[in-house]
Amino acid sequence: MTTQNELRLLPWSGPEDKPCYLSTDDRNGYMSRLADNIEADQLDMAAILLENVSDTLKDQTADPEDLRQLTGELTATLRDVLRVATSRGHLLGVKEPHRF
């Protein structure tokens, strides 16, 4: 098993939005591959959302409800991408990003 500082931050959260971690020496194990696949999906969704954001912001007829919904989606996606970056940074031994 890995030591405490080698736990992998998983790309999902637990109850009360608390982080979930994986303790394993097997980077090719089921949970590691599942986390890798979910991270890839989250990054793909972020790229798709970014395209939609550009289109929506160019649309002069977008109403406030559309913009509110877009802001909520951006917030959730940014949270996912930050979690992926933090997890991958830990795997590479990079310091955790500053929280505002």
Protein backbone atom coordinates (compact mmCIF):
# COMPACT_ATOMS: atom_id res chain seq x y z
CA MET A 1 0.00 0.00 0.00
CA THR A 2 1.02 3.59 -0.51
CA THR A 3 1.97 5.97 2.25
CA GLN A 4 -0.29 8.85 3.34
CA ASN A 5 1.46 11.40 1.12
CA GLU A 6 1.10 9.10 -1.90
CA LEU A 7 -2.67 8.79 -1.84
CA ARG A 8 -4.31 9.61 -5.14
CA LEU A 9 -7.02 12.24 -5.12
CA LEU A 10 -9.92 10.74 -7.04
CA PRO A 11 -11.94 12.73 -9.59
CA TRP A 12 -15.13 12.53 -7.54
CA SER A 13 -16.09 13.61 -4.07
CA GLY A 14 -17.74 11.80 -1.21
CA PRO A 15 -20.48 12.79 1.21
CA GLU A 16 -20.60 16.50 2.01
CA ASP A 17 -18.32 17.10 -1.02
CA LYS A 18 -15.30 15.73 0.87
CA PRO A 19 -12.37 14.47 -1.23
CA CYS A 20 -11.93 10.76 -1.91
CA TYR A 21 -8.51 9.14 -2.09
CA LEU A 22 -7.15 5.88 -3.45
CA SER A 23 -4.39 3.95 -1.72
CA THR A 24 -2.78 1.42 -4.06
CA ASP A 25 0.54 0.48 -5.56
CA ASP A 26 -1.16 -0.69 -8.76
CA ARG A 27 -1.53 2.16 -11.24
CA ASN A 28 -3.17 -0.30 -13.65
CA GLY A 29 -5.73 -1.59 -11.16
CA TYR A 30 -9.47 -1.24 -11.68
CA MET A 31 -9.91 1.87 -9.49
CA SER A 32 -6.86 3.60 -10.99
CA ARG A 33 -8.14 2.96 -14.52
CA LEU A 34 -11.64 4.07 -13.53
CA ALA A 35 -10.23 7.32 -12.12
CA ASP A 36 -8.11 7.82 -15.27
CA ASN A 37 -11.17 7.34 -17.49
CA ILE A 38 -13.34 9.70 -15.45
CA GLU A 39 -10.59 12.34 -15.47
CA ALA A 40 -10.34 12.02 -19.27
CA ASP A 41 -14.14 12.39 -19.57
CA GLN A 42 -14.09 15.47 -17.31
CA LEU A 43 -11.37 17.11 -19.39
CA ASP A 44 -13.24 16.29 -22.62
CA MET A 45 -16.41 17.82 -21.17
CA ALA A 46 -14.46 20.95 -20.23
CA ALA A 47 -13.26 21.32 -23.83
CA ILE A 48 -16.81 20.92 -25.17
CA LEU A 49 -18.17 23.40 -22.63
CA LEU A 50 -15.49 25.91 -23.59
CA GLU A 51 -16.72 25.80 -27.18
CA ASN A 52 -20.32 26.30 -26.02
CA VAL A 53 -19.29 29.21 -23.82
CA SER A 54 -17.67 30.97 -26.75
CA ASP A 55 -20.80 30.50 -28.85
CA THR A 56 -23.12 31.69 -26.07
CA LEU A 57 -21.06 34.77 -25.30
CA LYS A 58 -21.05 35.73 -28.99
CA ASP A 59 -24.85 35.43 -29.07
CA GLN A 60 -26.22 38.90 -28.34
CA THR A 61 -29.69 37.41 -27.75
CA ALA A 62 -28.63 35.09 -24.91
CA ASP A 63 -30.93 35.74 -21.98
CA PRO A 64 -29.91 35.99 -18.30
CA GLU A 65 -31.20 32.46 -17.55
CA ASP A 66 -28.92 31.00 -20.24
CA LEU A 67 -25.97 32.90 -18.79
CA ARG A 68 -26.84 31.77 -15.24
CA GLN A 69 -27.01 28.14 -16.35
CA LEU A 70 -23.73 28.54 -18.23
CA THR A 71 -22.08 30.01 -15.13
CA GLY A 72 -23.22 27.03 -13.06
CA GLU A 73 -21.86 24.58 -15.63
CA LEU A 74 -18.57 26.48 -15.80
CA THR A 75 -18.25 26.41 -12.03
CA ALA A 76 -18.83 22.65 -11.82
CA THR A 77 -16.47 21.95 -14.71
CA LEU A 78 -13.76 24.21 -13.32
CA ARG A 79 -14.04 22.36 -9.99
CA ASP A 80 -13.58 19.03 -11.80
CA VAL A 81 -10.60 20.28 -13.82
CA LEU A 82 -8.95 21.72 -10.70
CA ARG A 83 -9.39 18.36 -8.95
CA VAL A 84 -7.79 16.59 -11.95
CA ALA A 85 -4.90 19.07 -11.96
CA THR A 86 -4.39 18.68 -8.22
CA SER A 87 -4.47 14.87 -8.47
CA ARG A 88 -2.03 14.78 -11.37
CA GLY A 89 0.18 17.30 -9.63
CA HIS A 90 0.35 15.03 -6.59
CA LEU A 91 1.26 12.10 -8.83
CA LEU A 92 4.09 14.20 -10.29
CA GLY A 93 5.17 15.56 -6.91
CA VAL A 94 4.08 19.13 -7.70
CA LYS A 95 2.95 21.49 -4.93
CA GLU A 96 -0.82 21.89 -4.58
CA PRO A 97 -2.22 25.01 -6.30
CA HIS A 98 -3.06 28.03 -4.16
CA ARG A 99 -6.74 28.23 -3.12
CA PHE A 100 -8.46 31.60 -3.25
